Amino acid sequence: MDILNILTASLESAIGPIAAIYVLAAIGLNMHFGYTGLLNFGQVGFMLVGAYGVAIPVVVYGQPLWVGLLVCVACSALLALLLGIPTLRLRADYLAIATIAVAEVGRLLYRAEFARPLTGGVYGLQGFATDFNELNPIPSGRYDFLVVSYSSRQLWLMLAIWGLVVLALAITALLIHSPWGRVLKGIREDEEAVRSLGKNVFAYKMQSLVLGGVFGGLAGAMIALNQQNITADQFMPQVTFYLWAMLLLGGAGRTLGPVIGPMVMWFLLTAFDETLRALSRAEVLPFIGNADIGALRHAFVGIALVLLIIYRPQGIIGNRKEMLVNVK
């Protein structure tokens, strides 16, 4: 078993485009839960409408990519409004159920046969990343940086996605350290006290839901551009559970928590996956096949969450006080 190859593959995964996409989505979830106390279990729904928002205008209507990105943002904000108006007055547990239900209903609608002319149904959409690839300023080939290596397309994706991550972090930091952000934290800790001061709690929650949803929608758009094809079944509920695991691992309510969490999680997942495959090839674990490794990765996430909740509920860089709030 080559330990160096396993560590190299894990590091490439931890800073690669997929990890960056999850970082962007986790920043949106951190806005909802970490700062506002909203138990949103439907972040994958924003990723779904974001991905199709960028794909449908390009594939179905022949529009340029920038139009698709604008539609992506608009669809994410619209979903937040449609989701928030009837649900933001619900208690935490009911809000969690409502959000995960809306995300799943959205997935079923996008894959339905009657939606096939627009969304491609179960076959999805493809052929919408041409404009993005043509904008790539990096010459074709592979580029080595110390022990990691990426293709020119991967580097272009990383440049675009990590650029969005930096922008999202800057917006989040500026807002959270403003009076608006202090009201959000007040809502998270004691909603009734904030309401007694004359603040419109519902409006602040809605603003937080829209902003975090837009970050999630942009993450979905980046997934679409990375894969160059999308189907609704890629946006299953477990994507949200992965995001929650990553956010809690890094530390909710911290600016860099949703950055560290996904990077560490993807490093561990890849290391776990590559180690099992190496042991299987060496016939050290002959009873484990390639089909079993994917399931074991999900089990690993569950075990990691249990250990995290028991031994460090605040996450790697989180503050324990941030996790002791009475979310509404």
C-alpha atoms as a PDB file:
ATOM      1  CA  MET A   1       0.000   0.000   0.000  1.00  0.00           C
ATOM      2  CA  ASP A   2       1.502   3.308  -1.150  1.00  0.00           C
ATOM      3  CA  ILE A   3       0.864   5.801   1.665  1.00  0.00           C
ATOM      4  CA  LEU A   4       2.284   8.710  -0.353  1.00  0.00           C
ATOM      5  CA  ASN A   5      -0.146   8.145  -3.238  1.00  0.00           C
ATOM      6  CA  ILE A   6      -3.054   7.957  -0.810  1.00  0.00           C
ATOM      7  CA  LEU A   7      -2.054  11.220   0.868  1.00  0.00           C
ATOM      8  CA  THR A   8      -1.517  12.907  -2.503  1.00  0.00           C
ATOM      9  CA  ALA A   9      -4.940  11.851  -3.782  1.00  0.00           C
ATOM     10  CA  SER A  10      -6.517  12.994  -0.515  1.00  0.00           C
ATOM     11  CA  LEU A  11      -4.848  16.400  -0.701  1.00  0.00           C
ATOM     12  CA  GLU A  12      -5.898  16.859  -4.329  1.00  0.00           C
ATOM     13  CA  SER A  13      -9.465  16.080  -3.323  1.00  0.00           C
ATOM     14  CA  ALA A  14      -9.371  18.418  -0.307  1.00  0.00           C
ATOM     15  CA  ILE A  15      -8.478  21.488  -2.385  1.00  0.00           C
ATOM     16  CA  GLY A  16     -10.023  20.417  -5.683  1.00  0.00           C
ATOM     17  CA  PRO A  17     -13.158  21.750  -7.405  1.00  0.00           C
ATOM     18  CA  ILE A  18     -15.622  19.378  -5.696  1.00  0.00           C
ATOM     19  CA  ALA A  19     -14.426  20.364  -2.231  1.00  0.00           C
ATOM     20  CA  ALA A  20     -14.662  24.037  -3.222  1.00  0.00           C
ATOM     21  CA  ILE A  21     -18.259  23.508  -4.373  1.00  0.00           C
ATOM     22  CA  TYR A  22     -19.182  22.014  -1.006  1.00  0.00           C
ATOM     23  CA  VAL A  23     -17.407  24.898   0.743  1.00  0.00           C
ATOM     24  CA  LEU A  24     -19.594  27.381  -1.144  1.00  0.00           C
ATOM     25  CA  ALA A  25     -22.781  25.482  -0.288  1.00  0.00           C
ATOM     26  CA  ALA A  26     -21.688  25.147   3.358  1.00  0.00           C
ATOM     27  CA  ILE A  27     -21.144  28.918   3.582  1.00  0.00           C
ATOM     28  CA  GLY A  28     -24.818  29.339   2.688  1.00  0.00           C
ATOM     29  CA  LEU A  29     -25.843  26.737   5.260  1.00  0.00           C
ATOM     30  CA  ASN A  30     -23.691  28.491   7.847  1.00  0.00           C
ATOM     31  CA  MET A  31     -25.610  31.705   7.151  1.00  0.00           C
ATOM     32  CA  HIS A  32     -28.849  29.852   7.839  1.00  0.00           C
ATOM     33  CA  PHE A  33     -27.892  27.777  10.859  1.00  0.00           C
ATOM     34  CA  GLY A  34     -24.623  29.134  12.193  1.00  0.00           C
ATOM     35  CA  TYR A  35     -25.677  32.777  12.308  1.00  0.00           C
ATOM     36  CA  THR A  36     -29.494  32.782  12.232  1.00  0.00           C
ATOM     37  CA  GLY A  37     -30.373  29.478  13.890  1.00  0.00           C
ATOM     38  CA  LEU A  38     -32.516  28.208  10.999  1.00  0.00           C
ATOM     39  CA  LEU A  39     -32.602  24.420  10.770  1.00  0.00           C
ATOM     40  CA  ASN A  40     -32.521  24.186   6.985  1.00  0.00           C
ATOM     41  CA  PHE A  41     -32.382  20.560   5.871  1.00  0.00           C
ATOM     42  CA  GLY A  42     -33.107  21.482   2.266  1.00  0.00           C
ATOM     43  CA  GLN A  43     -29.929  23.245   1.126  1.00  0.00           C
ATOM     44  CA  VAL A  44     -29.682  20.722  -1.700  1.00  0.00           C
ATOM     45  CA  GLY A  45     -32.921  22.200  -3.079  1.00  0.00           C
ATOM     46  CA  PHE A  46     -31.141  25.502  -3.693  1.00  0.00           C
ATOM     47  CA  MET A  47     -28.318  23.614  -5.390  1.00  0.00           C
ATOM     48  CA  LEU A  48     -30.895  21.865  -7.587  1.00  0.00           C
ATOM     49  CA  VAL A  49     -32.561  25.060  -8.837  1.00  0.00           C
ATOM     50  CA  GLY A  50     -29.155  26.711  -9.231  1.00  0.00           C
ATOM     51  CA  ALA A  51     -27.840  23.901 -11.423  1.00  0.00           C
ATOM     52  CA  TYR A  52     -30.904  23.816 -13.645  1.00  0.00           C
ATOM     53  CA  GLY A  53     -31.093  27.602 -13.575  1.00  0.00           C
ATOM     54  CA  VAL A  54     -27.758  27.827 -15.346  1.00  0.00           C
ATOM     55  CA  ALA A  55     -28.415  24.850 -17.663  1.00  0.00           C
ATOM     56  CA  ILE A  56     -31.954  25.452 -18.942  1.00  0.00           C
ATOM     57  CA  PRO A  57     -31.400  28.935 -20.449  1.00  0.00           C
ATOM     58  CA  VAL A  58     -28.297  27.693 -22.294  1.00  0.00           C
ATOM     59  CA  VAL A  59     -29.585  24.322 -23.514  1.00  0.00           C
ATOM     60  CA  VAL A  60     -33.287  24.969 -24.053  1.00  0.00           C
ATOM     61  CA  TYR A  61     -33.326  28.653 -25.002  1.00  0.00           C
ATOM     62  CA  GLY A  62     -29.846  29.073 -26.492  1.00  0.00           C
ATOM     63  CA  GLN A  63     -28.831  31.916 -24.193  1.00  0.00           C
ATOM     64  CA  PRO A  64     -25.223  32.730 -23.221  1.00  0.00           C
ATOM     65  CA  LEU A  65     -23.775  31.423 -19.982  1.00  0.00           C
ATOM     66  CA  TRP A  66     -23.971  34.748 -18.141  1.00  0.00           C
ATOM     67  CA  VAL A  67     -27.747  34.740 -18.616  1.00  0.00           C
ATOM     68  CA  GLY A  68     -27.848  31.270 -17.071  1.00  0.00           C
ATOM     69  CA  LEU A  69     -25.887  32.500 -14.060  1.00  0.00           C
ATOM     70  CA  LEU A  70     -28.321  35.384 -13.570  1.00  0.00           C
ATOM     71  CA  VAL A  71     -31.234  32.952 -13.811  1.00  0.00           C
ATOM     72  CA  CYS A  72     -29.456  30.709 -11.297  1.00  0.00           C
ATOM     73  CA  VAL A  73     -29.291  33.545  -8.755  1.00  0.00           C
ATOM     74  CA  ALA A  74     -32.891  34.595  -9.460  1.00  0.00           C
ATOM     75  CA  CYS A  75     -34.229  31.037  -9.090  1.00  0.00           C
ATOM     76  CA  SER A  76     -32.375  30.557  -5.804  1.00  0.00           C
ATOM     77  CA  ALA A  77     -33.753  33.815  -4.398  1.00  0.00           C
ATOM     78  CA  LEU A  78     -37.266  32.933  -5.607  1.00  0.00           C
ATOM     79  CA  LEU A  79     -37.103  29.502  -3.975  1.00  0.00           C
ATOM     80  CA  ALA A  80     -36.009  31.129  -0.718  1.00  0.00           C
ATOM     81  CA  LEU A  81     -38.994  33.473  -0.860  1.00  0.00           C
ATOM     82  CA  LEU A  82     -41.459  30.698  -1.702  1.00  0.00           C
ATOM     83  CA  LEU A  83     -39.974  28.488   1.004  1.00  0.00           C
ATOM     84  CA  GLY A  84     -39.611  31.184   3.644  1.00  0.00           C
ATOM     85  CA  ILE A  85     -43.018  32.876   3.509  1.00  0.00           C
ATOM     86  CA  PRO A  86     -44.970  29.852   4.830  1.00  0.00           C
ATOM     87  CA  THR A  87     -42.232  28.189   6.918  1.00  0.00           C
ATOM     88  CA  LEU A  88     -40.096  30.771   8.732  1.00  0.00           C
ATOM     89  CA  ARG A  89     -42.682  31.133  11.466  1.00  0.00           C
ATOM     90  CA  LEU A  90     -42.472  27.416  12.247  1.00  0.00           C
ATOM     91  CA  ARG A  91     -40.547  25.953  15.173  1.00  0.00           C
ATOM     92  CA  ALA A  92     -37.113  24.476  14.507  1.00  0.00           C
ATOM     93  CA  ASP A  93     -38.203  20.850  14.127  1.00  0.00           C
ATOM     94  CA  TYR A  94     -41.126  21.684  11.845  1.00  0.00           C
ATOM     95  CA  LEU A  95     -38.924  23.986   9.772  1.00  0.00           C
ATOM     96  CA  ALA A  96     -36.412  21.163   9.296  1.00  0.00           C
ATOM     97  CA  ILE A  97     -39.156  18.799   8.089  1.00  0.00           C
ATOM     98  CA  ALA A  98     -40.623  21.427   5.753  1.00  0.00           C
ATOM     99  CA  THR A  99     -37.293  22.295   4.133  1.00  0.00           C
ATOM    100  CA  ILE A 100     -36.252  18.716   3.465  1.00  0.00           C
ATOM    101  CA  ALA A 101     -39.714  18.000   2.045  1.00  0.00           C
ATOM    102  CA  VAL A 102     -39.574  20.991  -0.312  1.00  0.00           C
ATOM    103  CA  ALA A 103     -36.138  19.952  -1.577  1.00  0.00           C
ATOM    104  CA  GLU A 104     -37.316  16.398  -2.243  1.00  0.00           C
ATOM    105  CA  VAL A 105     -40.525  17.543  -3.942  1.00  0.00           C
ATOM    106  CA  GLY A 106     -38.423  19.807  -6.152  1.00  0.00           C
ATOM    107  CA  ARG A 107     -36.196  16.895  -7.159  1.00  0.00           C
ATOM    108  CA  LEU A 108     -39.216  14.771  -8.088  1.00  0.00           C
ATOM    109  CA  LEU A 109     -40.745  17.608 -10.099  1.00  0.00           C
ATOM    110  CA  TYR A 110     -37.536  18.225 -12.065  1.00  0.00           C
ATOM    111  CA  ARG A 111     -37.227  14.526 -12.956  1.00  0.00           C
ATOM    112  CA  ALA A 112     -40.925  14.081 -13.814  1.00  0.00           C
ATOM    113  CA  GLU A 113     -41.907  13.131 -17.354  1.00  0.00           C
ATOM    114  CA  PHE A 114     -44.085  16.218 -17.876  1.00  0.00           C
ATOM    115  CA  ALA A 115     -40.992  18.396 -17.190  1.00  0.00           C
ATOM    116  CA  ARG A 116     -38.838  16.553 -19.733  1.00  0.00           C
ATOM    117  CA  PRO A 117     -39.038  19.238 -22.485  1.00  0.00           C
ATOM    118  CA  LEU A 118     -37.557  21.732 -20.026  1.00  0.00           C
ATOM    119  CA  THR A 119     -35.388  19.708 -17.636  1.00  0.00           C
ATOM    120  CA  GLY A 120     -34.712  16.545 -19.626  1.00  0.00           C
ATOM    121  CA  GLY A 121     -36.623  14.463 -17.064  1.00  0.00           C
ATOM    122  CA  VAL A 122     -34.657  11.509 -15.770  1.00  0.00           C
ATOM    123  CA  TYR A 123     -32.072  11.999 -18.533  1.00  0.00           C
ATOM    124  CA  GLY A 124     -31.135  15.509 -17.432  1.00  0.00           C
ATOM    125  CA  LEU A 125     -29.321  18.135 -19.487  1.00  0.00           C
ATOM    126  CA  GLN A 126     -25.855  18.440 -20.977  1.00  0.00           C
ATOM    127  CA  GLY A 127     -23.877  20.588 -23.383  1.00  0.00           C
ATOM    128  CA  PHE A 128     -24.125  23.860 -21.452  1.00  0.00           C
ATOM    129  CA  ALA A 129     -20.498  24.261 -20.286  1.00  0.00           C
ATOM    130  CA  THR A 130     -19.009  25.175 -23.669  1.00  0.00           C
ATOM    131  CA  ASP A 131     -18.930  28.912 -23.003  1.00  0.00           C
ATOM    132  CA  PHE A 132     -17.303  28.355 -19.624  1.00  0.00           C
ATOM    133  CA  ASN A 133     -14.627  26.082 -21.083  1.00  0.00           C
ATOM    134  CA  GLU A 134     -13.906  28.546 -23.893  1.00  0.00           C
ATOM    135  CA  LEU A 135     -13.178  31.248 -21.313  1.00  0.00           C
ATOM    136  CA  ASN A 136     -10.374  29.124 -19.860  1.00  0.00           C
ATOM    137  CA  PRO A 137      -7.175  31.224 -20.073  1.00  0.00           C
ATOM    138  CA  ILE A 138      -4.931  28.344 -18.950  1.00  0.00           C
ATOM    139  CA  PRO A 139      -3.191  26.403 -21.777  1.00  0.00           C
ATOM    140  CA  SER A 140      -4.127  22.732 -22.002  1.00  0.00           C
ATOM    141  CA  GLY A 141      -1.991  20.191 -20.172  1.00  0.00           C
ATOM    142  CA  ARG A 142      -1.299  19.113 -16.620  1.00  0.00           C
ATOM    143  CA  TYR A 143       0.276  21.316 -13.980  1.00  0.00           C
ATOM    144  CA  ASP A 144       2.177  20.082 -10.944  1.00  0.00           C
ATOM    145  CA  PHE A 145       2.301  21.975  -7.655  1.00  0.00           C
ATOM    146  CA  LEU A 146       4.557  20.205  -5.165  1.00  0.00           C
ATOM    147  CA  VAL A 147       2.842  16.824  -4.765  1.00  0.00           C
ATOM    148  CA  VAL A 148      -0.524  17.644  -6.378  1.00  0.00           C
ATOM    149  CA  SER A 149      -1.360  17.731 -10.079  1.00  0.00           C
ATOM    150  CA  TYR A 150      -4.347  19.175 -11.949  1.00  0.00           C
ATOM    151  CA  SER A 151      -5.413  19.554 -15.563  1.00  0.00           C
ATOM    152  CA  SER A 152      -5.912  22.998 -17.084  1.00  0.00           C
ATOM    153  CA  ARG A 153      -9.694  22.562 -16.903  1.00  0.00           C
ATOM    154  CA  GLN A 154      -9.542  21.605 -13.227  1.00  0.00           C
ATOM    155  CA  LEU A 155      -7.389  24.656 -12.506  1.00  0.00           C
ATOM    156  CA  TRP A 156      -9.868  26.900 -14.329  1.00  0.00           C
ATOM    157  CA  LEU A 157     -12.725  25.427 -12.302  1.00  0.00           C
ATOM    158  CA  MET A 158     -10.784  25.832  -9.066  1.00  0.00           C
ATOM    159  CA  LEU A 159      -9.973  29.439  -9.933  1.00  0.00           C
ATOM    160  CA  ALA A 160     -13.640  30.208 -10.602  1.00  0.00           C
ATOM    161  CA  ILE A 161     -15.091  28.320  -7.621  1.00  0.00           C
ATOM    162  CA  TRP A 162     -12.524  29.375  -5.028  1.00  0.00           C
ATOM    163  CA  GLY A 163     -12.976  32.916  -6.325  1.00  0.00           C
ATOM    164  CA  LEU A 164     -16.688  32.628  -5.529  1.00  0.00           C
ATOM    165  CA  VAL A 165     -15.771  31.197  -2.127  1.00  0.00           C
ATOM    166  CA  VAL A 166     -13.564  34.204  -1.347  1.00  0.00           C
ATOM    167  CA  LEU A 167     -16.353  36.550  -2.468  1.00  0.00           C
ATOM    168  CA  ALA A 168     -18.931  34.704  -0.347  1.00  0.00           C
ATOM    169  CA  LEU A 169     -16.624  34.780   2.689  1.00  0.00           C
ATOM    170  CA  ALA A 170     -16.007  38.499   2.253  1.00  0.00           C
ATOM    171  CA  ILE A 171     -19.742  39.228   2.001  1.00  0.00           C
ATOM    172  CA  THR A 172     -20.455  37.042   5.011  1.00  0.00           C
ATOM    173  CA  ALA A 173     -17.727  38.613   7.152  1.00  0.00           C
ATOM    174  CA  LEU A 174     -18.811  42.161   6.290  1.00  0.00           C
ATOM    175  CA  LEU A 175     -22.472  41.462   6.995  1.00  0.00           C
ATOM    176  CA  ILE A 176     -21.998  39.453  10.178  1.00  0.00           C
ATOM    177  CA  HIS A 177     -19.795  42.161  11.727  1.00  0.00           C
ATOM    178  CA  SER A 178     -22.390  44.827  10.878  1.00  0.00           C
ATOM    179  CA  PRO A 179     -25.509  45.762  12.885  1.00  0.00           C
ATOM    180  CA  TRP A 180     -27.488  43.484  10.551  1.00  0.00           C
ATOM    181  CA  GLY A 181     -25.315  40.524  11.527  1.00  0.00           C
ATOM    182  CA  ARG A 182     -25.653  41.275  15.221  1.00  0.00           C
ATOM    183  CA  VAL A 183     -29.434  41.181  14.848  1.00  0.00           C
ATOM    184  CA  LEU A 184     -29.128  37.756  13.182  1.00  0.00           C
ATOM    185  CA  LYS A 185     -27.096  36.441  16.113  1.00  0.00           C
ATOM    186  CA  GLY A 186     -29.664  37.901  18.475  1.00  0.00           C
ATOM    187  CA  ILE A 187     -32.424  36.051  16.641  1.00  0.00           C
ATOM    188  CA  ARG A 188     -30.432  32.842  16.917  1.00  0.00           C
ATOM    189  CA  GLU A 189     -29.959  33.219  20.657  1.00  0.00           C
ATOM    190  CA  ASP A 190     -33.312  34.728  21.731  1.00  0.00           C
ATOM    191  CA  GLU A 191     -35.858  35.524  19.061  1.00  0.00           C
ATOM    192  CA  GLU A 192     -38.414  36.929  21.497  1.00  0.00           C
ATOM    193  CA  ALA A 193     -35.909  39.376  22.972  1.00  0.00           C
ATOM    194  CA  VAL A 194     -35.068  40.707  19.502  1.00  0.00           C
ATOM    195  CA  ARG A 195     -38.760  41.024  18.662  1.00  0.00           C
ATOM    196  CA  SER A 196     -39.346  42.948  21.886  1.00  0.00           C
ATOM    197  CA  LEU A 197     -36.787  45.519  20.690  1.00  0.00           C
ATOM    198  CA  GLY A 198     -38.962  46.292  17.685  1.00  0.00           C
ATOM    199  CA  LYS A 199     -37.020  44.312  15.078  1.00  0.00           C
ATOM    200  CA  ASN A 200     -38.868  42.570  12.264  1.00  0.00           C
ATOM    201  CA  VAL A 201     -37.613  39.053  12.958  1.00  0.00           C
ATOM    202  CA  PHE A 202     -39.401  37.542   9.963  1.00  0.00           C
ATOM    203  CA  ALA A 203     -37.756  40.007   7.566  1.00  0.00           C
ATOM    204  CA  TYR A 204     -34.279  39.309   8.936  1.00  0.00           C
ATOM    205  CA  LYS A 205     -34.829  35.550   8.691  1.00  0.00           C
ATOM    206  CA  MET A 206     -36.021  35.940   5.115  1.00  0.00           C
ATOM    207  CA  GLN A 207     -32.967  37.994   4.164  1.00  0.00           C
ATOM    208  CA  SER A 208     -30.682  35.361   5.681  1.00  0.00           C
ATOM    209  CA  LEU A 209     -32.545  32.571   3.888  1.00  0.00           C
ATOM    210  CA  VAL A 210     -32.259  34.349   0.537  1.00  0.00           C
ATOM    211  CA  LEU A 211     -28.552  35.108   0.905  1.00  0.00           C
ATOM    212  CA  GLY A 212     -27.632  31.591   2.040  1.00  0.00           C
ATOM    213  CA  GLY A 213     -29.865  30.146  -0.672  1.00  0.00           C
ATOM    214  CA  VAL A 214     -28.086  32.155  -3.378  1.00  0.00           C
ATOM    215  CA  PHE A 215     -24.747  30.761  -2.186  1.00  0.00           C
ATOM    216  CA  GLY A 216     -26.257  27.274  -2.402  1.00  0.00           C
ATOM    217  CA  GLY A 217     -27.612  27.986  -5.879  1.00  0.00           C
ATOM    218  CA  LEU A 218     -24.198  29.141  -7.098  1.00  0.00           C
ATOM    219  CA  ALA A 219     -22.713  25.920  -5.707  1.00  0.00           C
ATOM    220  CA  GLY A 220     -25.270  23.975  -7.749  1.00  0.00           C
ATOM    221  CA  ALA A 221     -24.320  25.955 -10.863  1.00  0.00           C
ATOM    222  CA  MET A 222     -20.665  25.093 -10.285  1.00  0.00           C
ATOM    223  CA  ILE A 223     -21.569  21.405  -9.945  1.00  0.00           C
ATOM    224  CA  ALA A 224     -23.284  21.606 -13.321  1.00  0.00           C
ATOM    225  CA  LEU A 225     -20.297  23.305 -14.962  1.00  0.00           C
ATOM    226  CA  ASN A 226     -17.888  20.839 -13.375  1.00  0.00           C
ATOM    227  CA  GLN A 227     -19.780  17.723 -14.480  1.00  0.00           C
ATOM    228  CA  GLN A 228     -20.980  19.260 -17.787  1.00  0.00           C
ATOM    229  CA  ASN A 229     -24.251  17.391 -17.293  1.00  0.00           C
ATOM    230  CA  ILE A 230     -26.902  17.247 -14.594  1.00  0.00           C
ATOM    231  CA  THR A 231     -29.759  15.015 -13.555  1.00  0.00           C
ATOM    232  CA  ALA A 232     -32.191  15.650 -10.719  1.00  0.00           C
ATOM    233  CA  ASP A 233     -31.146  12.462  -8.942  1.00  0.00           C
ATOM    234  CA  GLN A 234     -27.722  13.962  -8.268  1.00  0.00           C
ATOM    235  CA  PHE A 235     -29.407  16.212  -5.689  1.00  0.00           C
ATOM    236  CA  MET A 236     -30.557  13.618  -3.171  1.00  0.00           C
ATOM    237  CA  PRO A 237     -31.193  14.475   0.515  1.00  0.00           C
ATOM    238  CA  GLN A 238     -27.875  12.945   1.566  1.00  0.00           C
ATOM    239  CA  VAL A 239     -26.095  15.885  -0.092  1.00  0.00           C
ATOM    240  CA  THR A 240     -27.591  18.112   2.599  1.00  0.00           C
ATOM    241  CA  PHE A 241     -26.513  15.651   5.294  1.00  0.00           C
ATOM    242  CA  TYR A 242     -22.972  15.773   3.943  1.00  0.00           C
ATOM    243  CA  LEU A 243     -23.110  19.560   4.123  1.00  0.00           C
ATOM    244  CA  TRP A 244     -24.307  19.425   7.730  1.00  0.00           C
ATOM    245  CA  ALA A 245     -21.517  17.007   8.637  1.00  0.00           C
ATOM    246  CA  MET A 246     -18.950  19.282   7.012  1.00  0.00           C
ATOM    247  CA  LEU A 247     -20.306  22.447   8.637  1.00  0.00           C
ATOM    248  CA  LEU A 248     -20.411  20.886  12.097  1.00  0.00           C
ATOM    249  CA  LEU A 249     -16.938  19.441  11.597  1.00  0.00           C
ATOM    250  CA  GLY A 250     -15.467  22.838  10.759  1.00  0.00           C
ATOM    251  CA  GLY A 251     -17.504  24.792  13.277  1.00  0.00           C
ATOM    252  CA  ALA A 252     -20.852  26.532  12.792  1.00  0.00           C
ATOM    253  CA  GLY A 253     -21.047  30.246  13.407  1.00  0.00           C
ATOM    254  CA  ARG A 254     -17.452  30.833  12.327  1.00  0.00           C
ATOM    255  CA  THR A 255     -16.377  32.446   9.060  1.00  0.00           C
ATOM    256  CA  LEU A 256     -13.806  29.763   8.242  1.00  0.00           C
ATOM    257  CA  GLY A 257     -15.783  26.858   9.714  1.00  0.00           C
ATOM    258  CA  PRO A 258     -17.536  25.994   6.422  1.00  0.00           C
ATOM    259  CA  VAL A 259     -14.160  26.165   4.656  1.00  0.00           C
ATOM    260  CA  ILE A 260     -12.195  23.894   6.976  1.00  0.00           C
ATOM    261  CA  GLY A 261     -14.990  21.345   7.426  1.00  0.00           C
ATOM    262  CA  PRO A 262     -15.469  20.331   3.764  1.00  0.00           C
ATOM    263  CA  MET A 263     -11.719  20.288   3.124  1.00  0.00           C
ATOM    264  CA  VAL A 264     -11.054  18.015   6.096  1.00  0.00           C
ATOM    265  CA  MET A 265     -14.055  15.820   5.282  1.00  0.00           C
ATOM    266  CA  TRP A 266     -13.041  15.316   1.639  1.00  0.00           C
ATOM    267  CA  PHE A 267      -9.477  14.585   2.714  1.00  0.00           C
ATOM    268  CA  LEU A 268     -10.704  11.913   5.143  1.00  0.00           C
ATOM    269  CA  LEU A 269     -13.252  10.462   2.711  1.00  0.00           C
ATOM    270  CA  THR A 270     -10.681  10.137  -0.065  1.00  0.00           C
ATOM    271  CA  ALA A 271      -8.060   8.706   2.295  1.00  0.00           C
ATOM    272  CA  PHE A 272     -10.615   6.195   3.596  1.00  0.00           C
ATOM    273  CA  ASP A 273     -11.704   5.275   0.059  1.00  0.00           C
ATOM    274  CA  GLU A 274      -8.162   4.928  -1.335  1.00  0.00           C
ATOM    275  CA  THR A 275      -7.002   2.919   1.685  1.00  0.00           C
ATOM    276  CA  LEU A 276      -9.857   0.432   1.336  1.00  0.00           C
ATOM    277  CA  ARG A 277      -9.223   0.060  -2.392  1.00  0.00           C
ATOM    278  CA  ALA A 278      -5.511  -0.519  -1.795  1.00  0.00           C
ATOM    279  CA  LEU A 279      -6.232  -3.133   0.882  1.00  0.00           C
ATOM    280  CA  SER A 280      -8.761  -4.806  -1.404  1.00  0.00           C
ATOM    281  CA  ARG A 281      -6.258  -4.955  -4.300  1.00  0.00           C
ATOM    282  CA  ALA A 282      -3.643  -6.404  -1.944  1.00  0.00           C
ATOM    283  CA  GLU A 283      -6.229  -9.016  -0.872  1.00  0.00           C
ATOM    284  CA  VAL A 284      -5.849  -7.942   2.756  1.00  0.00           C
ATOM    285  CA  LEU A 285      -9.609  -7.374   2.772  1.00  0.00           C
ATOM    286  CA  PRO A 286     -10.789  -9.814   0.081  1.00  0.00           C
ATOM    287  CA  PHE A 287     -14.376  -9.733   1.363  1.00  0.00           C
ATOM    288  CA  ILE A 288     -14.740  -6.033   0.401  1.00  0.00           C
ATOM    289  CA  GLY A 289     -15.566  -5.317  -3.234  1.00  0.00           C
ATOM    290  CA  ASN A 290     -15.499  -2.027  -5.096  1.00  0.00           C
ATOM    291  CA  ALA A 291     -19.279  -1.783  -4.818  1.00  0.00           C
ATOM    292  CA  ASP A 292     -19.027  -1.949  -1.012  1.00  0.00           C
ATOM    293  CA  ILE A 293     -16.578   0.920  -0.643  1.00  0.00           C
ATOM    294  CA  GLY A 294     -19.120   3.602  -1.528  1.00  0.00           C
ATOM    295  CA  ALA A 295     -21.509   2.326   1.142  1.00  0.00           C
ATOM    296  CA  LEU A 296     -18.702   2.186   3.684  1.00  0.00           C
ATOM    297  CA  ARG A 297     -17.918   5.849   2.947  1.00  0.00           C
ATOM    298  CA  HIS A 298     -21.462   6.765   3.996  1.00  0.00           C
ATOM    299  CA  ALA A 299     -21.048   4.686   7.142  1.00  0.00           C
ATOM    300  CA  PHE A 300     -17.808   6.533   7.835  1.00  0.00           C
ATOM    301  CA  VAL A 301     -19.639   9.876   7.651  1.00  0.00           C
ATOM    302  CA  GLY A 302     -22.209   8.588  10.160  1.00  0.00           C
ATOM    303  CA  ILE A 303     -19.529   7.403  12.580  1.00  0.00           C
ATOM    304  CA  ALA A 304     -17.661  10.705  12.215  1.00  0.00           C
ATOM    305  CA  LEU A 305     -20.830  12.628  13.061  1.00  0.00           C
ATOM    306  CA  VAL A 306     -21.488  10.523  16.162  1.00  0.00           C
ATOM    307  CA  LEU A 307     -17.923  10.985  17.415  1.00  0.00           C
ATOM    308  CA  LEU A 308     -18.077  14.686  16.622  1.00  0.00           C
ATOM    309  CA  ILE A 309     -21.283  15.182  18.586  1.00  0.00           C
ATOM    310  CA  ILE A 310     -19.877  13.277  21.560  1.00  0.00           C
ATOM    311  CA  TYR A 311     -16.361  14.668  21.812  1.00  0.00           C
ATOM    312  CA  ARG A 312     -16.378  18.038  20.047  1.00  0.00           C
ATOM    313  CA  PRO A 313     -19.858  19.321  19.222  1.00  0.00           C
ATOM    314  CA  GLN A 314     -18.524  22.796  18.422  1.00  0.00           C
ATOM    315  CA  GLY A 315     -16.319  21.516  15.580  1.00  0.00           C
ATOM    316  CA  ILE A 316     -12.646  22.104  14.856  1.00  0.00           C
ATOM    317  CA  ILE A 317     -12.595  25.889  15.248  1.00  0.00           C
ATOM    318  CA  GLY A 318     -16.094  26.452  16.635  1.00  0.00           C
ATOM    319  CA  ASN A 319     -17.064  27.966  19.964  1.00  0.00           C
ATOM    320  CA  ARG A 320     -19.069  25.723  22.252  1.00  0.00           C
ATOM    321  CA  LYS A 321     -21.328  28.650  23.118  1.00  0.00           C
ATOM    322  CA  GLU A 322     -22.349  28.862  19.483  1.00  0.00           C
ATOM    323  CA  MET A 323     -23.810  25.364  19.735  1.00  0.00           C
ATOM    324  CA  LEU A 324     -25.717  25.926  22.969  1.00  0.00           C
ATOM    325  CA  VAL A 325     -28.232  28.354  21.506  1.00  0.00           C
ATOM    326  CA  ASN A 326     -31.977  27.738  21.439  1.00  0.00           C
ATOM    327  CA  VAL A 327     -32.576  27.693  17.709  1.00  0.00           C
ATOM    328  CA  LYS A 328     -36.040  28.719  16.581  1.00  0.00           C
END
